[in-house]
């Protein structure tokens, strides 16, 4: 199993210490690009997959980088309902 597959499997387990950097990498592996929503977006980002015409909006967590569990569940639902994972 390669690094990409390991990251997807780690995400599916919904760990409490999954970081925003890992989430960004996960979306990149799955064909998404991260876009800041403009100069005044603050911590808001959007993950865009032009090929599948999909996007997912998220906030960078702060002050720590761990993703909240409810956000992890939302992302998992988004990815599974769109048959990405």
Protein backbone atom coordinates (compact mmCIF):
# COMPACT_ATOMS: atom_id res chain seq x y z
CA UNK A 1 0.00 0.00 0.00
CA UNK A 2 1.44 3.35 -1.04
CA UNK A 3 1.51 6.64 0.81
CA UNK A 4 -1.61 7.90 -0.96
CA UNK A 5 -3.64 4.84 -0.07
CA UNK A 6 -2.44 5.03 3.54
CA UNK A 7 -3.62 8.62 3.83
CA UNK A 8 -7.06 7.72 2.42
CA UNK A 9 -7.34 4.79 4.84
CA UNK A 10 -6.25 6.99 7.76
CA UNK A 11 -8.92 9.52 6.84
CA UNK A 12 -11.61 6.82 6.61
CA UNK A 13 -10.81 5.82 10.21
CA UNK A 14 -11.72 9.43 11.22
CA UNK A 15 -8.80 10.03 13.64
CA UNK A 16 -9.07 12.92 16.08
CA UNK A 17 -5.58 14.18 15.16
CA UNK A 18 -6.11 14.55 11.37
CA UNK A 19 -4.56 17.89 10.42
CA UNK A 20 -5.50 20.52 7.87
CA UNK A 21 -2.29 19.77 5.95
CA UNK A 22 -3.34 16.11 5.72
CA UNK A 23 -6.81 17.17 4.55
CA UNK A 24 -5.27 19.39 1.88
CA UNK A 25 -3.06 16.50 0.73
CA UNK A 26 -6.06 14.15 0.69
CA UNK A 27 -8.04 16.49 -1.55
CA UNK A 28 -5.01 16.91 -3.84
CA UNK A 29 -4.65 13.13 -4.13
CA UNK A 30 -8.32 12.94 -5.11
CA UNK A 31 -7.93 15.52 -7.89
CA UNK A 32 -8.91 18.74 -6.11
CA UNK A 33 -7.04 22.05 -6.04
CA UNK A 34 -7.17 24.43 -3.11
CA UNK A 35 -8.35 27.94 -3.83
CA UNK A 36 -8.46 30.89 -1.46
CA UNK A 37 -11.74 32.68 -1.92
CA UNK A 38 -10.11 36.08 -2.39
CA UNK A 39 -8.14 38.62 -0.44
CA UNK A 40 -10.69 38.88 2.36
CA UNK A 41 -11.41 35.17 2.73
CA UNK A 42 -9.50 34.81 5.99
CA UNK A 43 -9.35 31.14 6.88
CA UNK A 44 -11.88 30.07 4.22
CA UNK A 45 -10.64 27.87 1.39
CA UNK A 46 -12.33 25.91 -1.35
CA UNK A 47 -11.26 22.58 -2.77
CA UNK A 48 -12.21 22.44 -6.44
CA UNK A 49 -12.31 19.53 -8.87
CA UNK A 50 -13.00 20.99 -12.31
CA UNK A 51 -13.01 17.57 -13.94
CA UNK A 52 -15.97 16.38 -11.85
CA UNK A 53 -17.47 19.87 -11.41
CA UNK A 54 -17.33 19.60 -7.60
CA UNK A 55 -16.21 21.91 -4.84
CA UNK A 56 -16.03 21.75 -1.07
CA UNK A 57 -15.68 24.82 1.16
CA UNK A 58 -13.78 24.59 4.43
CA UNK A 59 -12.16 26.73 7.11
CA UNK A 60 -8.58 26.32 8.24
CA UNK A 61 -8.74 25.39 11.91
CA UNK A 62 -7.00 27.64 14.39
CA UNK A 63 -5.21 27.96 16.73
CA UNK A 64 -4.29 24.28 16.34
CA UNK A 65 -4.34 22.45 13.02
CA UNK A 66 -6.50 19.42 13.94
CA UNK A 67 -9.75 19.08 12.01
CA UNK A 68 -12.91 18.94 14.15
CA UNK A 69 -14.74 15.60 14.18
CA UNK A 70 -17.96 17.04 12.74
CA UNK A 71 -15.99 18.47 9.81
CA UNK A 72 -14.32 15.10 9.25
CA UNK A 73 -17.76 13.48 9.07
CA UNK A 74 -19.00 16.13 6.62
CA UNK A 75 -15.98 15.64 4.36
CA UNK A 76 -16.37 11.85 4.47
CA UNK A 77 -20.06 12.19 3.55
CA UNK A 78 -19.18 14.59 0.69
CA UNK A 79 -16.50 12.26 -0.70
CA UNK A 80 -18.56 9.08 -0.40
CA UNK A 81 -21.82 10.56 -1.70
CA UNK A 82 -19.97 11.82 -4.79
CA UNK A 83 -18.31 8.39 -5.21
CA UNK A 84 -14.80 9.77 -4.85
CA UNK A 85 -13.75 7.31 -2.15
